[in-house]
Amino acid sequence: MEERLTPLRVSTVRTRELGAELRLARTRLKVPAEHVSRSLGWSLGRLSRLEHGERGTNELDLGALLGQLGVDKATKERVRLLARERDLGHYLRSHEGKLSDNLLSLAIHEQSAVTMHKYEPMVIPGLLQTEAYARAVIELHGVESPDELETFVDARMRRQSVLTSPNPPGTVFYIHEISLLSRIGNARIMHDQVMRLRFMCDWPRLTLRVIPMSAPGHPALMRGFNLMTFAEPVNPVAYADTDAATVFTEDPDSIKLYQRKRNALATLALDAEQSRSTFAHWADFYDLRGDRDDEGADLA
């Protein structure tokens, strides 16, 4: 049976997502990998490489594995679609009417990244948001119930653990100053959010750089993205959100485009110390505005 799994030279976004789905299915069942591999007549290494996106599979072996794991119909269909998808360098992952925070591809790549360079044009990036700011942003997306709102907020807060892990990626966030000016929620929410950014300037392996409103216009400012690198032999991956889906890419020419965007933002942004001062300025601004809110002033 070993010859039916063709080794891959380099894992891809698709194979890593497929492997993560299979690994999650097995861990939910609380079955050791040794038991599964022995039941299928596979070596433990074969199952491990499949779960880590380092090997391909076929319909017959995939069916045998899914049967062994006893997955539900929805999971089975999702896994089979992943296995059939072609590696074209670009991958579209629908939000299914929700937000991107729960996407498996997003989680596995952010958590395994060695470096990240991220930019959002109009709001504070989700990985940096306070809980109150995140709740206010998600409410603006429109939610069906308070329970759904809390589910989305919880997913965003859990996603932020990538920055506080024992070995976080070296991350640079480019934050446009317009997102500091554009009030989400009330002045107190904004004050606490900007103060958090100020404190995060001291976090290890994290750099926050503000693009000031005085910066000249540039096409790189139009759309947000996250450019990630990984330990060899995994190639760089970038992703960008739309309202309905997230697009992941590992196509070399597209990665060069995102590298140019990153370099352009670096030339437009303030340095780390200037950015720290900018956060302090906006924290003072919202502190004063918060006093006026308390007095009942109309800040709309």
Protein backbone atom coordinates (compact mmCIF):
# COMPACT_ATOMS: atom_id res chain seq x y z
CA MET A 1 0.00 0.00 0.00
CA GLU A 2 2.94 2.34 0.57
CA GLU A 3 3.38 3.16 -3.12
CA ARG A 4 -0.11 4.63 -3.33
CA LEU A 5 0.94 7.68 -1.32
CA THR A 6 3.14 9.77 -3.60
CA PRO A 7 5.65 11.94 -1.72
CA LEU A 8 5.48 15.68 -2.32
CA ARG A 9 8.65 17.67 -2.84
CA VAL A 10 7.23 20.64 -0.93
CA SER A 11 4.04 20.87 1.09
CA THR A 12 1.40 23.39 -0.02
CA VAL A 13 -1.34 25.44 1.58
CA ARG A 14 -3.81 22.77 0.45
CA THR A 15 -1.88 19.73 1.71
CA ARG A 16 -1.19 21.39 5.07
CA GLU A 17 -4.88 22.20 5.47
CA LEU A 18 -5.81 18.65 4.47
CA GLY A 19 -3.33 17.25 6.96
CA ALA A 20 -4.65 19.51 9.71
CA GLU A 21 -8.22 18.36 9.02
CA LEU A 22 -7.16 14.73 9.33
CA ARG A 23 -5.12 15.38 12.47
CA LEU A 24 -8.06 17.22 14.09
CA ALA A 25 -10.41 14.39 13.19
CA ARG A 26 -8.09 11.88 14.85
CA THR A 27 -7.47 13.96 17.98
CA ARG A 28 -11.22 14.60 18.40
CA LEU A 29 -11.66 10.82 18.41
CA LYS A 30 -8.85 10.62 21.01
CA VAL A 31 -7.20 7.78 19.11
CA PRO A 32 -3.39 7.56 19.13
CA ALA A 33 -1.67 7.79 15.76
CA GLU A 34 -0.04 4.43 16.43
CA HIS A 35 -3.44 2.73 16.67
CA VAL A 36 -4.73 4.30 13.44
CA SER A 37 -1.60 3.48 11.44
CA ARG A 38 -1.50 -0.08 12.75
CA SER A 39 -5.19 -0.64 11.91
CA LEU A 40 -4.59 0.55 8.34
CA GLY A 41 -1.36 -1.35 7.88
CA TRP A 42 0.56 1.92 7.49
CA SER A 43 3.83 2.97 9.05
CA LEU A 44 3.56 5.65 11.72
CA GLY A 45 5.78 7.91 9.62
CA ARG A 46 3.40 7.62 6.69
CA LEU A 47 0.45 8.85 8.76
CA SER A 48 2.54 11.58 10.36
CA ARG A 49 3.70 12.95 7.00
CA LEU A 50 0.14 12.94 5.71
CA GLU A 51 -1.11 14.80 8.78
CA HIS A 52 1.63 17.41 8.34
CA GLY A 53 0.94 18.00 4.65
CA GLU A 54 4.13 16.32 3.46
CA ARG A 55 2.54 13.51 1.46
CA GLY A 56 -0.25 13.11 -1.04
CA THR A 57 -3.05 10.57 -0.90
CA ASN A 58 -5.62 8.93 -3.14
CA GLU A 59 -9.35 8.28 -2.91
CA LEU A 60 -8.98 4.68 -1.75
CA ASP A 61 -6.53 5.32 1.08
CA LEU A 62 -8.31 8.52 2.09
CA GLY A 63 -11.59 6.65 2.29
CA ALA A 64 -9.99 3.97 4.45
CA LEU A 65 -8.56 6.60 6.81
CA LEU A 66 -11.83 8.53 7.07
CA GLY A 67 -13.67 5.30 7.77
CA GLN A 68 -11.20 4.43 10.51
CA LEU A 69 -11.72 7.87 12.06
CA GLY A 70 -15.52 7.68 11.81
CA VAL A 71 -15.89 11.30 10.72
CA ASP A 72 -19.29 12.90 10.12
CA LYS A 73 -20.67 13.49 6.65
CA ALA A 74 -19.79 17.22 6.56
CA THR A 75 -16.18 16.59 7.55
CA LYS A 76 -15.88 13.73 5.08
CA GLU A 77 -17.09 15.94 2.22
CA ARG A 78 -14.82 18.83 3.22
CA VAL A 79 -11.78 16.55 3.36
CA ARG A 80 -12.59 14.92 0.02
CA LEU A 81 -12.93 18.34 -1.64
CA LEU A 82 -9.54 19.35 -0.24
CA ALA A 83 -7.95 16.16 -1.54
CA ARG A 84 -9.35 16.74 -5.03
CA GLU A 85 -8.36 20.41 -5.21
CA ARG A 86 -5.49 21.20 -7.56
CA ASP A 87 -2.35 22.99 -6.41
CA LEU A 88 -2.44 26.12 -8.57
CA GLY A 89 -0.70 28.49 -6.18
CA HIS A 90 -3.90 30.32 -5.15
CA TYR A 91 -6.56 29.06 -2.73
CA LEU A 92 -9.95 30.60 -2.01
CA ARG A 93 -11.50 29.88 1.37
CA SER A 94 -15.08 31.06 1.85
CA HIS A 95 -16.11 32.64 5.15
CA GLU A 96 -19.51 30.99 4.66
CA GLY A 97 -21.26 34.20 5.63
CA LYS A 98 -19.11 34.64 8.74
CA LEU A 99 -15.63 36.02 9.52
CA SER A 100 -12.20 34.70 8.64
CA ASP A 101 -11.00 34.08 12.22
CA ASN A 102 -12.19 30.45 12.27
CA LEU A 103 -10.59 29.45 8.95
CA LEU A 104 -8.33 26.45 9.50
CA SER A 105 -5.81 27.58 6.89
CA LEU A 106 -5.52 30.92 8.63
CA ALA A 107 -4.87 29.35 12.03
CA ILE A 108 -2.32 26.75 10.97
CA HIS A 109 -0.26 29.19 8.93
CA GLU A 110 -0.24 32.03 11.46
CA GLN A 111 0.70 29.59 14.22
CA SER A 112 3.59 28.06 12.28
CA ALA A 113 4.95 31.27 10.72
CA VAL A 114 8.51 32.38 11.46
CA THR A 115 7.82 35.96 10.34
CA MET A 116 4.69 37.95 9.47
CA HIS A 117 4.26 41.36 7.86
CA LYS A 118 0.65 42.52 8.12
CA TYR A 119 -1.26 45.60 7.04
CA GLU A 120 -4.89 46.70 7.39
CA PRO A 121 -5.96 49.98 5.77
CA MET A 122 -8.95 51.18 7.85
CA VAL A 123 -9.15 49.28 11.15
CA ILE A 124 -6.80 48.00 13.82
CA PRO A 125 -5.68 44.49 12.76
CA GLY A 126 -7.65 41.70 14.44
CA LEU A 127 -4.54 40.23 16.07
CA LEU A 128 -4.05 43.52 17.98
CA GLN A 129 -7.64 44.33 18.96
CA THR A 130 -8.91 44.63 22.51
CA GLU A 131 -11.96 42.56 23.28
CA ALA A 132 -14.19 45.65 23.41
CA TYR A 133 -12.88 46.99 20.09
CA ALA A 134 -13.26 43.55 18.48
CA ARG A 135 -16.85 43.30 19.73
CA ALA A 136 -17.67 46.74 18.32
CA VAL A 137 -16.12 45.88 14.93
CA ILE A 138 -17.88 42.51 14.72
CA GLU A 139 -21.21 44.09 15.63
CA LEU A 140 -20.80 46.36 12.62
CA HIS A 141 -20.49 43.28 10.40
CA GLY A 142 -23.98 42.29 11.50
CA VAL A 143 -24.65 39.27 13.69
CA GLU A 144 -27.80 37.26 14.16
CA SER A 145 -27.71 36.86 17.95
CA PRO A 146 -25.72 37.76 21.08
CA ASP A 147 -24.45 34.16 21.21
CA GLU A 148 -23.10 34.42 17.66
CA LEU A 149 -21.41 37.71 18.54
CA GLU A 150 -19.67 36.14 21.52
CA THR A 151 -18.59 33.15 19.41
CA PHE A 152 -16.91 35.47 16.89
CA VAL A 153 -15.29 37.60 19.61
CA ASP A 154 -13.97 34.50 21.35
CA ALA A 155 -12.50 33.20 18.08
CA ARG A 156 -10.68 36.50 17.53
CA MET A 157 -9.30 36.56 21.06
CA ARG A 158 -8.08 32.95 20.81
CA ARG A 159 -6.42 33.70 17.50
CA GLN A 160 -4.28 36.37 19.18
CA SER A 161 -2.47 33.68 21.18
CA VAL A 162 -0.03 33.40 18.27
CA LEU A 163 1.60 36.64 19.51
CA THR A 164 1.95 35.43 23.11
CA SER A 165 3.12 31.88 22.44
CA PRO A 166 6.52 30.77 23.83
CA ASN A 167 8.07 31.25 20.38
CA PRO A 168 6.02 33.89 18.56
CA PRO A 169 6.76 34.84 14.97
CA GLY A 170 8.77 37.97 14.32
CA THR A 171 5.88 40.21 13.34
CA VAL A 172 5.66 43.71 11.87
CA PHE A 173 2.27 45.42 11.74
CA TYR A 174 1.77 48.44 9.51
CA ILE A 175 -1.11 50.47 10.96
CA HIS A 176 -2.48 53.42 9.04
CA GLU A 177 -3.10 56.43 11.25
CA ILE A 178 -6.58 56.76 9.76
CA SER A 179 -7.54 53.66 11.78
CA LEU A 180 -6.56 55.54 14.95
CA LEU A 181 -8.69 58.52 13.95
CA SER A 182 -11.72 56.50 12.80
CA ARG A 183 -13.65 55.84 15.98
CA ILE A 184 -15.04 52.36 16.53
CA GLY A 185 -17.49 52.28 19.43
CA ASN A 186 -17.00 55.09 21.92
CA ALA A 187 -14.02 57.15 23.00
CA ARG A 188 -13.26 54.87 25.95
CA ILE A 189 -13.01 51.85 23.65
CA MET A 190 -10.68 53.78 21.38
CA HIS A 191 -8.56 55.01 24.30
CA ASP A 192 -8.10 51.49 25.65
CA GLN A 193 -7.34 50.16 22.18
CA VAL A 194 -4.68 52.76 21.45
CA MET A 195 -3.17 52.32 24.90
CA ARG A 196 -2.92 48.61 24.23
CA LEU A 197 -1.02 49.36 21.02
CA ARG A 198 1.29 51.62 23.03
CA PHE A 199 2.00 48.84 25.53
CA MET A 200 2.44 46.25 22.78
CA CYS A 201 5.36 48.28 21.44
CA ASP A 202 7.34 46.65 24.27
CA TRP A 203 6.41 43.07 23.38
CA PRO A 204 9.25 40.83 22.17
CA ARG A 205 9.43 40.01 18.46
CA LEU A 206 6.62 42.47 17.74
CA THR A 207 7.04 45.77 15.86
CA LEU A 208 4.24 48.26 15.32
CA ARG A 209 4.79 50.95 12.68
CA VAL A 210 2.30 53.71 11.95
CA ILE A 211 1.78 55.03 8.45
CA PRO A 212 1.01 58.70 9.12
CA MET A 213 -1.79 60.57 7.44
CA SER A 214 0.90 62.87 6.05
CA ALA A 215 2.39 59.98 4.04
CA PRO A 216 1.99 60.29 0.26
CA GLY A 217 -0.52 58.13 -1.55
CA HIS A 218 0.62 54.75 -2.82
CA PRO A 219 -1.15 51.73 -4.38
CA ALA A 220 0.26 49.55 -1.58
CA LEU A 221 -2.09 51.32 0.83
CA MET A 222 -5.25 50.16 -0.91
CA ARG A 223 -5.66 46.61 0.36
CA GLY A 224 -4.66 44.69 3.46
CA PHE A 225 -2.54 41.52 3.48
CA ASN A 226 -0.37 39.27 5.62
CA LEU A 227 2.92 37.97 4.20
CA MET A 228 4.26 34.98 6.14
CA THR A 229 7.51 33.03 5.98
CA PHE A 230 8.20 29.59 7.44
CA ALA A 231 11.02 27.26 8.28
CA GLU A 232 12.45 25.50 5.23
CA PRO A 233 11.34 23.85 3.06
CA VAL A 234 7.91 25.55 3.33
CA ASN A 235 7.55 28.43 0.88
CA PRO A 236 6.21 31.88 1.84
CA VAL A 237 2.44 32.35 1.91
CA ALA A 238 0.37 35.52 1.72
CA TYR A 239 -3.31 35.98 2.37
CA ALA A 240 -5.78 38.80 1.82
CA ASP A 241 -9.37 39.08 3.00
CA THR A 242 -12.38 40.02 0.93
CA ASP A 243 -15.83 40.49 2.46
CA ALA A 244 -16.84 36.92 1.61
CA ALA A 245 -13.60 34.92 1.40
CA THR A 246 -9.88 34.83 2.11
CA VAL A 247 -7.40 34.28 -0.71
CA PHE A 248 -4.18 32.42 0.14
CA THR A 249 -1.31 32.44 -2.33
CA GLU A 250 2.10 30.79 -2.55
CA ASP A 251 2.67 31.48 -6.25
CA PRO A 252 6.25 32.84 -6.48
CA ASP A 253 5.37 35.82 -8.72
CA SER A 254 2.51 36.79 -6.41
CA ILE A 255 4.78 36.51 -3.37
CA LYS A 256 7.17 38.96 -5.06
CA LEU A 257 4.26 41.38 -5.45
CA TYR A 258 3.52 41.19 -1.72
CA GLN A 259 7.19 41.61 -0.93
CA ARG A 260 7.17 44.82 -2.98
CA LYS A 261 4.07 46.00 -1.08
CA ARG A 262 5.81 45.27 2.22
CA ASN A 263 8.89 47.22 1.14
CA ALA A 264 6.75 50.16 -0.01
CA LEU A 265 4.95 50.29 3.35
CA ALA A 266 8.28 50.22 5.16
CA THR A 267 9.33 53.39 3.33
CA LEU A 268 6.04 55.15 4.17
CA ALA A 269 5.86 54.16 7.85
CA LEU A 270 7.24 55.89 10.91
CA ASP A 271 9.92 54.05 12.84
CA ALA A 272 9.07 52.14 16.00
CA GLU A 273 9.80 55.00 18.41
CA GLN A 274 7.86 57.56 16.35
CA SER A 275 4.97 55.12 16.18
CA ARG A 276 5.02 54.73 19.96
CA SER A 277 4.71 58.50 20.28
CA THR A 278 1.83 58.53 17.81
CA PHE A 279 -0.07 55.98 19.92
CA ALA A 280 0.54 58.09 23.02
CA HIS A 281 -0.83 61.17 21.20
CA TRP A 282 -4.05 59.40 20.20
CA ALA A 283 -4.44 57.88 23.66
CA ASP A 284 -4.38 61.43 25.13
CA PHE A 285 -6.84 62.57 22.47
CA TYR A 286 -9.37 59.85 23.33
CA ASP A 287 -8.78 60.31 27.05
CA LEU A 288 -10.04 63.89 26.70
CA ARG A 289 -12.88 62.79 24.44
CA GLY A 290 -13.85 60.15 26.97
CA ASP A 291 -14.27 62.89 29.58
CA ARG A 292 -16.61 64.70 27.22
CA ASP A 293 -18.56 61.47 26.63
CA ASP A 294 -18.99 61.15 30.37
CA GLU A 295 -20.41 64.66 30.38
CA GLY A 296 -22.91 63.68 27.71
CA ALA A 297 -21.33 65.61 24.85
CA ASP A 298 -22.35 64.55 21.37
CA LEU A 299 -19.23 63.31 19.57
CA ALA A 300 -20.97 61.83 16.57
